N, C-alpha and C. Protein backbone atom coordinates (compact mmCIF):
# COMPACT_ATOMS: atom_id res chain seq x y z
N MET A 1 288.94 138.87 93.63
CA MET A 1 288.93 138.88 95.08
C MET A 1 287.76 139.69 95.61
N LYS A 2 287.18 140.51 94.76
CA LYS A 2 286.05 141.32 95.19
C LYS A 2 284.84 140.46 95.53
N ALA A 3 284.76 139.27 94.96
CA ALA A 3 283.63 138.40 95.20
C ALA A 3 283.55 137.99 96.67
N LEU A 4 284.69 137.93 97.35
CA LEU A 4 284.68 137.57 98.77
C LEU A 4 284.03 138.64 99.63
N LEU A 5 283.96 139.87 99.14
CA LEU A 5 283.32 140.95 99.90
C LEU A 5 281.81 140.80 99.94
N TYR A 6 281.24 140.08 98.99
CA TYR A 6 279.79 139.97 98.89
C TYR A 6 279.26 138.64 99.42
N LEU A 7 280.04 137.97 100.24
CA LEU A 7 279.60 136.68 100.77
C LEU A 7 278.47 136.86 101.78
N GLY A 8 277.57 135.91 101.77
CA GLY A 8 276.48 135.92 102.73
C GLY A 8 276.93 135.30 104.06
N PRO A 9 276.05 135.32 105.05
CA PRO A 9 276.40 134.80 106.37
C PRO A 9 276.74 133.30 106.35
N ALA A 10 276.07 132.53 105.53
CA ALA A 10 276.35 131.09 105.46
C ALA A 10 277.75 130.83 104.90
N ALA A 11 278.13 131.59 103.89
CA ALA A 11 279.46 131.42 103.30
C ALA A 11 280.55 131.87 104.26
N VAL A 12 280.31 132.95 104.97
CA VAL A 12 281.29 133.42 105.97
C VAL A 12 281.44 132.38 107.08
N PHE A 13 280.32 131.83 107.55
CA PHE A 13 280.38 130.80 108.58
C PHE A 13 281.13 129.58 108.09
N GLY A 14 280.89 129.18 106.84
CA GLY A 14 281.61 128.03 106.27
C GLY A 14 283.10 128.29 106.18
N LEU A 15 283.49 129.50 105.80
CA LEU A 15 284.92 129.83 105.73
C LEU A 15 285.55 129.84 107.12
N LEU A 16 284.83 130.37 108.10
CA LEU A 16 285.36 130.35 109.47
C LEU A 16 285.50 128.92 109.98
N LEU A 17 284.54 128.08 109.63
CA LEU A 17 284.61 126.69 110.05
C LEU A 17 285.79 125.97 109.41
N THR A 18 286.12 126.30 108.16
CA THR A 18 287.26 125.65 107.52
C THR A 18 288.58 126.29 107.94
N ALA A 19 288.53 127.41 108.63
CA ALA A 19 289.76 128.01 109.16
C ALA A 19 290.15 127.35 110.49
N LEU A 20 289.22 126.70 111.16
CA LEU A 20 289.53 126.04 112.44
C LEU A 20 290.63 124.98 112.32
N PRO A 21 290.63 124.13 111.29
CA PRO A 21 291.72 123.18 111.18
C PRO A 21 293.09 123.86 111.02
N LEU A 22 293.12 125.01 110.37
CA LEU A 22 294.39 125.73 110.23
C LEU A 22 294.87 126.24 111.58
N VAL A 23 293.96 126.73 112.39
CA VAL A 23 294.33 127.17 113.74
C VAL A 23 294.83 125.98 114.56
N ALA A 24 294.11 124.86 114.48
CA ALA A 24 294.54 123.66 115.22
C ALA A 24 295.89 123.17 114.72
N ALA A 25 296.14 123.27 113.43
CA ALA A 25 297.43 122.84 112.87
C ALA A 25 298.56 123.73 113.36
N ILE A 26 298.31 125.02 113.44
CA ILE A 26 299.34 125.94 113.95
C ILE A 26 299.64 125.62 115.41
N LEU A 27 298.61 125.34 116.19
CA LEU A 27 298.84 124.95 117.59
C LEU A 27 299.63 123.65 117.68
N PHE A 28 299.31 122.71 116.78
CA PHE A 28 300.04 121.45 116.77
C PHE A 28 301.50 121.66 116.38
N ALA A 29 301.73 122.50 115.38
CA ALA A 29 303.12 122.74 114.94
C ALA A 29 303.92 123.44 116.03
N ALA A 30 303.25 124.29 116.81
CA ALA A 30 303.94 125.00 117.88
C ALA A 30 304.33 124.05 119.02
N ARG A 31 303.42 123.19 119.40
CA ARG A 31 303.66 122.21 120.46
C ARG A 31 303.02 120.89 120.06
N PRO A 32 303.75 120.04 119.35
CA PRO A 32 303.16 118.80 118.84
C PRO A 32 302.83 117.82 119.96
N THR A 33 301.56 117.47 120.05
CA THR A 33 301.10 116.41 120.94
C THR A 33 300.14 115.53 120.16
N ILE A 34 300.00 114.31 120.60
CA ILE A 34 299.10 113.38 119.92
C ILE A 34 297.66 113.84 120.04
N ARG A 35 297.33 114.46 121.15
CA ARG A 35 295.96 114.94 121.36
C ARG A 35 295.59 116.02 120.34
N ARG A 36 296.50 116.93 120.08
CA ARG A 36 296.24 117.97 119.08
C ARG A 36 296.16 117.38 117.68
N LEU A 37 296.97 116.37 117.42
CA LEU A 37 296.93 115.72 116.12
C LEU A 37 295.61 114.97 115.93
N GLU A 38 295.11 114.36 116.99
CA GLU A 38 293.84 113.64 116.91
C GLU A 38 292.67 114.57 116.60
N MET A 39 292.77 115.84 116.96
CA MET A 39 291.70 116.79 116.68
C MET A 39 291.65 117.20 115.21
N MET A 40 292.73 116.98 114.50
CA MET A 40 292.78 117.41 113.10
C MET A 40 291.78 116.65 112.22
N ARG A 41 291.62 115.38 112.46
CA ARG A 41 290.72 114.59 111.61
C ARG A 41 289.27 115.07 111.72
N PRO A 42 288.68 115.18 112.92
CA PRO A 42 287.29 115.65 112.96
C PRO A 42 287.14 117.10 112.51
N LEU A 43 288.12 117.94 112.80
CA LEU A 43 288.03 119.32 112.34
C LEU A 43 288.12 119.41 110.82
N THR A 44 288.96 118.57 110.23
CA THR A 44 289.07 118.54 108.77
C THR A 44 287.78 118.04 108.14
N LEU A 45 287.20 117.00 108.71
CA LEU A 45 285.93 116.50 108.18
C LEU A 45 284.84 117.56 108.28
N ALA A 46 284.81 118.27 109.39
CA ALA A 46 283.82 119.35 109.53
C ALA A 46 284.07 120.43 108.47
N GLY A 47 285.31 120.74 108.22
CA GLY A 47 285.64 121.73 107.19
C GLY A 47 285.24 121.27 105.80
N ILE A 48 285.48 120.00 105.50
CA ILE A 48 285.11 119.46 104.19
C ILE A 48 283.60 119.51 104.00
N PHE A 49 282.86 119.07 105.02
CA PHE A 49 281.41 119.06 104.90
C PHE A 49 280.85 120.48 104.85
N ALA A 50 281.44 121.40 105.58
CA ALA A 50 281.00 122.80 105.52
C ALA A 50 281.26 123.38 104.13
N SER A 51 282.40 123.03 103.56
CA SER A 51 282.72 123.51 102.22
C SER A 51 281.77 122.94 101.18
N LEU A 52 281.47 121.67 101.27
CA LEU A 52 280.54 121.06 100.31
C LEU A 52 279.13 121.60 100.48
N ALA A 53 278.70 121.82 101.73
CA ALA A 53 277.38 122.41 101.97
C ALA A 53 277.32 123.82 101.41
N GLY A 54 278.39 124.58 101.61
CA GLY A 54 278.45 125.93 101.05
C GLY A 54 278.42 125.93 99.54
N LEU A 55 279.08 124.96 98.94
CA LEU A 55 279.07 124.84 97.48
C LEU A 55 277.66 124.53 96.97
N CYS A 56 276.97 123.61 97.65
CA CYS A 56 275.59 123.30 97.26
C CYS A 56 274.69 124.52 97.40
N LEU A 57 274.86 125.27 98.49
CA LEU A 57 274.08 126.49 98.67
C LEU A 57 274.39 127.52 97.59
N SER A 58 275.65 127.64 97.24
CA SER A 58 276.04 128.59 96.20
C SER A 58 275.45 128.21 94.84
N VAL A 59 275.45 126.94 94.53
CA VAL A 59 274.87 126.49 93.26
C VAL A 59 273.36 126.74 93.25
N ALA A 60 272.71 126.46 94.37
CA ALA A 60 271.27 126.72 94.46
C ALA A 60 270.97 128.21 94.28
N ASN A 61 271.75 129.05 94.93
CA ASN A 61 271.56 130.49 94.77
C ASN A 61 271.87 130.94 93.34
N ALA A 62 272.86 130.32 92.73
CA ALA A 62 273.19 130.65 91.35
C ALA A 62 272.04 130.30 90.41
N LEU A 63 271.43 129.15 90.62
CA LEU A 63 270.31 128.76 89.77
C LEU A 63 269.12 129.69 89.95
N VAL A 64 268.86 130.11 91.18
CA VAL A 64 267.78 131.07 91.42
C VAL A 64 268.10 132.40 90.74
N GLY A 65 269.35 132.85 90.85
CA GLY A 65 269.75 134.11 90.22
C GLY A 65 269.65 134.05 88.71
N ILE A 66 270.04 132.92 88.14
CA ILE A 66 269.94 132.77 86.68
C ILE A 66 268.48 132.80 86.25
N ASN A 67 267.62 132.16 87.01
CA ASN A 67 266.20 132.15 86.67
C ASN A 67 265.61 133.55 86.74
N ARG A 68 266.01 134.32 87.74
CA ARG A 68 265.47 135.67 87.90
C ARG A 68 266.00 136.65 86.85
N HIS A 69 267.22 136.44 86.41
CA HIS A 69 267.85 137.38 85.48
C HIS A 69 268.01 136.80 84.08
N ALA A 70 267.14 135.87 83.75
CA ALA A 70 267.22 135.26 82.42
C ALA A 70 267.01 136.33 81.36
N GLY A 71 268.02 136.54 80.59
CA GLY A 71 267.94 137.56 79.55
C GLY A 71 268.48 137.03 78.25
N SER A 72 268.94 137.94 77.43
CA SER A 72 269.43 137.55 76.12
C SER A 72 270.79 136.86 76.18
N ASN A 73 271.64 137.26 77.11
CA ASN A 73 272.98 136.67 77.21
C ASN A 73 273.08 135.77 78.44
N ILE A 74 272.23 134.76 78.49
CA ILE A 74 272.15 133.91 79.67
C ILE A 74 273.39 133.05 79.85
N THR A 75 274.07 132.71 78.78
CA THR A 75 275.27 131.88 78.89
C THR A 75 276.38 132.61 79.62
N ALA A 76 276.62 133.84 79.25
CA ALA A 76 277.68 134.62 79.91
C ALA A 76 277.32 134.87 81.36
N TYR A 77 276.06 135.20 81.63
CA TYR A 77 275.63 135.44 83.01
C TYR A 77 275.77 134.17 83.84
N SER A 78 275.38 133.04 83.27
CA SER A 78 275.49 131.76 84.00
C SER A 78 276.94 131.43 84.31
N ALA A 79 277.82 131.64 83.36
CA ALA A 79 279.23 131.36 83.59
C ALA A 79 279.78 132.23 84.72
N GLU A 80 279.41 133.50 84.72
CA GLU A 80 279.89 134.40 85.77
C GLU A 80 279.35 134.01 87.13
N VAL A 81 278.08 133.68 87.19
CA VAL A 81 277.46 133.30 88.47
C VAL A 81 278.08 132.01 89.01
N PHE A 82 278.26 131.02 88.17
CA PHE A 82 278.85 129.76 88.64
C PHE A 82 280.32 129.93 89.01
N ALA A 83 281.03 130.79 88.29
CA ALA A 83 282.43 131.04 88.65
C ALA A 83 282.53 131.69 90.02
N GLU A 84 281.63 132.61 90.31
CA GLU A 84 281.64 133.26 91.62
C GLU A 84 281.18 132.32 92.72
N SER A 85 280.35 131.35 92.38
CA SER A 85 279.81 130.46 93.42
C SER A 85 280.83 129.45 93.91
N VAL A 86 281.88 129.18 93.14
CA VAL A 86 282.87 128.20 93.60
C VAL A 86 284.03 128.84 94.36
N ILE A 87 284.06 130.16 94.43
CA ILE A 87 285.17 130.83 95.13
C ILE A 87 285.24 130.45 96.61
N PRO A 88 284.13 130.45 97.37
CA PRO A 88 284.24 130.05 98.77
C PRO A 88 284.74 128.61 98.96
N ALA A 89 284.32 127.71 98.07
CA ALA A 89 284.81 126.33 98.16
C ALA A 89 286.30 126.26 97.89
N PHE A 90 286.77 127.03 96.91
CA PHE A 90 288.20 127.08 96.62
C PHE A 90 288.99 127.59 97.82
N VAL A 91 288.51 128.66 98.43
CA VAL A 91 289.20 129.21 99.61
C VAL A 91 289.17 128.20 100.75
N SER A 92 288.04 127.53 100.95
CA SER A 92 287.93 126.55 102.02
C SER A 92 288.92 125.40 101.85
N PHE A 93 288.98 124.85 100.64
CA PHE A 93 289.90 123.74 100.42
C PHE A 93 291.35 124.20 100.45
N SER A 94 291.60 125.44 100.10
CA SER A 94 292.96 125.99 100.23
C SER A 94 293.35 126.09 101.71
N LEU A 95 292.41 126.51 102.54
CA LEU A 95 292.68 126.57 103.98
C LEU A 95 292.96 125.18 104.54
N LEU A 96 292.21 124.19 104.08
CA LEU A 96 292.44 122.82 104.56
C LEU A 96 293.79 122.29 104.08
N ALA A 97 294.16 122.61 102.85
CA ALA A 97 295.47 122.17 102.36
C ALA A 97 296.59 122.83 103.16
N ALA A 98 296.44 124.11 103.45
CA ALA A 98 297.45 124.81 104.26
C ALA A 98 297.53 124.21 105.65
N ALA A 99 296.39 123.83 106.21
CA ALA A 99 296.38 123.23 107.54
C ALA A 99 297.19 121.94 107.55
N TRP A 100 296.99 121.11 106.54
CA TRP A 100 297.71 119.84 106.53
C TRP A 100 299.19 120.02 106.20
N LEU A 101 299.54 121.06 105.49
CA LEU A 101 300.97 121.36 105.31
C LEU A 101 301.61 121.78 106.63
N VAL A 102 300.88 122.53 107.42
CA VAL A 102 301.39 122.92 108.75
C VAL A 102 301.50 121.69 109.65
N VAL A 103 300.54 120.77 109.53
CA VAL A 103 300.63 119.52 110.31
C VAL A 103 301.88 118.74 109.90
N ALA A 104 302.18 118.71 108.61
CA ALA A 104 303.39 118.01 108.15
C ALA A 104 304.64 118.64 108.78
N ILE A 105 304.66 119.95 108.88
CA ILE A 105 305.79 120.62 109.54
C ILE A 105 305.85 120.21 111.01
N GLY A 106 304.69 120.17 111.66
CA GLY A 106 304.64 119.74 113.06
C GLY A 106 305.06 118.30 113.24
N MET A 107 304.69 117.42 112.30
CA MET A 107 305.10 116.02 112.38
C MET A 107 306.60 115.88 112.23
N ARG A 108 307.17 116.65 111.34
CA ARG A 108 308.62 116.61 111.18
C ARG A 108 309.31 117.10 112.45
N ARG A 109 308.76 118.15 113.00
CA ARG A 109 309.32 118.69 114.24
C ARG A 109 309.19 117.70 115.39
N GLN A 110 308.06 116.99 115.43
CA GLN A 110 307.86 116.01 116.48
C GLN A 110 308.82 114.84 116.31
N SER A 111 309.02 114.38 115.07
CA SER A 111 309.91 113.24 114.84
C SER A 111 311.37 113.62 115.13
N GLN A 112 311.74 114.85 114.89
CA GLN A 112 313.11 115.29 115.21
C GLN A 112 313.30 115.39 116.72
N GLY A 113 312.22 115.70 117.44
CA GLY A 113 312.34 115.79 118.89
C GLY A 113 312.47 114.43 119.54
N ASP A 114 311.96 113.36 118.86
CA ASP A 114 312.05 112.01 119.41
C ASP A 114 313.44 111.42 119.30
N LEU A 115 314.27 111.96 118.41
CA LEU A 115 315.60 111.38 118.20
C LEU A 115 316.54 111.63 119.33
């Protein structure tokens, strides 16, 4: 979890962008309307693209770091760098999964209100 403390501005922005669908999902679950549900798709797509862009940036930074610190134990260093580079993407996709679980709760709540 310490790796999240060393995130750069692009990674933090990407995580904030992928948190927006979760906020929208919570608003939808609180008061389900079709308009709030319609916002989930574009917000989710923005979150997915932000996560993938962040992953590409992390891999690029990892390759630069490996090139600069090429030493005797390059395999272990490479594994550590690549493992740390996928953490923001993992957190982003976890936020998106949580958002859609909250939407499912809101959909259930909405369908029970229609009865």
